[in-house]
C-alpha cells in the first residue's frame, strides 16, 4: 500500500492531479482531520480500522461456514 501511495504521489506531481487527496482536500469531512499531512494520517488510520473490521467479519463468517 505504501508503494502504491508513493507511485500515485509521483503521478499526481507529474500530471498535476489529486488522486488519493495527497495534494489538497476534496471531501468536506477531511477538514475535520486537520491540515496536510495530518488528514492523510487520519485517513490511513480509518482505512486500517475498516480493514480490521472487514477482516473480523470475514473471519467470523468463515468460522460459521466451516461448521455448517
Protein backbone atom coordinates (compact mmCIF):
# COMPACT_ATOMS: atom_id res chain seq x y z
CA UNK A 1 0.00 0.00 0.00
CA UNK A 2 2.86 2.37 0.79
CA UNK A 3 4.49 1.68 -2.61
CA UNK A 4 1.16 2.33 -4.34
CA UNK A 5 0.76 5.61 -2.45
CA UNK A 6 4.26 6.73 -3.46
CA UNK A 7 3.54 5.85 -7.10
CA UNK A 8 0.28 7.82 -7.00
CA UNK A 9 2.06 10.77 -5.38
CA UNK A 10 4.52 10.76 -8.29
CA UNK A 11 1.65 10.53 -10.77
CA UNK A 12 -0.06 13.45 -9.01
CA UNK A 13 3.09 15.55 -9.25
CA UNK A 14 3.84 14.76 -12.90
CA UNK A 15 0.28 15.15 -14.20
CA UNK A 16 -0.91 17.80 -11.71
CA UNK A 17 -3.68 15.60 -10.32
CA UNK A 18 -5.00 14.91 -6.82
CA UNK A 19 -5.64 11.18 -6.64
CA UNK A 20 -5.91 9.89 -3.04
CA UNK A 21 -6.22 13.53 -1.86
CA UNK A 22 -2.46 13.73 -1.39
CA UNK A 23 -2.21 17.36 -2.55
CA UNK A 24 -5.42 19.01 -1.32
CA UNK A 25 -8.65 18.19 0.46
CA UNK A 26 -11.57 17.20 -1.76
CA UNK A 27 -14.07 15.85 0.76
CA UNK A 28 -15.62 18.23 3.30
CA UNK A 29 -15.27 15.80 6.22
CA UNK A 30 -11.48 15.71 5.72
CA UNK A 31 -11.32 19.29 7.01
CA UNK A 32 -12.19 17.88 10.44
CA UNK A 33 -8.99 15.78 10.35
CA UNK A 34 -6.66 18.79 10.30
CA UNK A 35 -4.21 20.25 7.79
CA UNK A 36 -1.92 18.39 5.44
CA UNK A 37 -0.33 15.88 6.17
CA UNK A 38 -2.43 15.10 9.24
CA UNK A 39 -5.60 14.43 7.27
CA UNK A 40 -3.68 11.80 5.29
CA UNK A 41 -2.57 10.12 8.54
CA UNK A 42 -6.15 10.15 9.85
CA UNK A 43 -7.38 8.66 6.55
CA UNK A 44 -4.79 5.88 6.90
CA UNK A 45 -5.93 5.13 10.48
CA UNK A 46 -9.56 4.99 9.34
CA UNK A 47 -8.54 2.70 6.48
CA UNK A 48 -6.75 0.37 8.91
CA UNK A 49 -9.81 0.27 11.19
CA UNK A 50 -12.11 -0.56 8.24
CA UNK A 51 -9.71 -3.30 7.10
CA UNK A 52 -9.62 -4.79 10.60
CA UNK A 53 -13.42 -4.70 10.87
CA UNK A 54 -13.90 -6.34 7.46
CA UNK A 55 -11.28 -8.96 8.29
CA UNK A 56 -13.00 -9.73 11.61
CA UNK A 57 -16.40 -10.10 9.96
CA UNK A 58 -14.94 -12.29 7.21
CA UNK A 59 -13.18 -14.49 9.77
CA UNK A 60 -16.43 -14.86 11.68
CA UNK A 61 -18.32 -15.80 8.54
CA UNK A 62 -15.67 -18.36 7.60
CA UNK A 63 -15.91 -19.88 11.09
CA UNK A 64 -19.70 -20.15 10.75
CA UNK A 65 -19.43 -21.53 7.23
CA UNK A 66 -16.89 -24.20 8.23
CA UNK A 67 -19.23 -25.50 10.98
CA UNK A 68 -22.13 -26.00 8.60
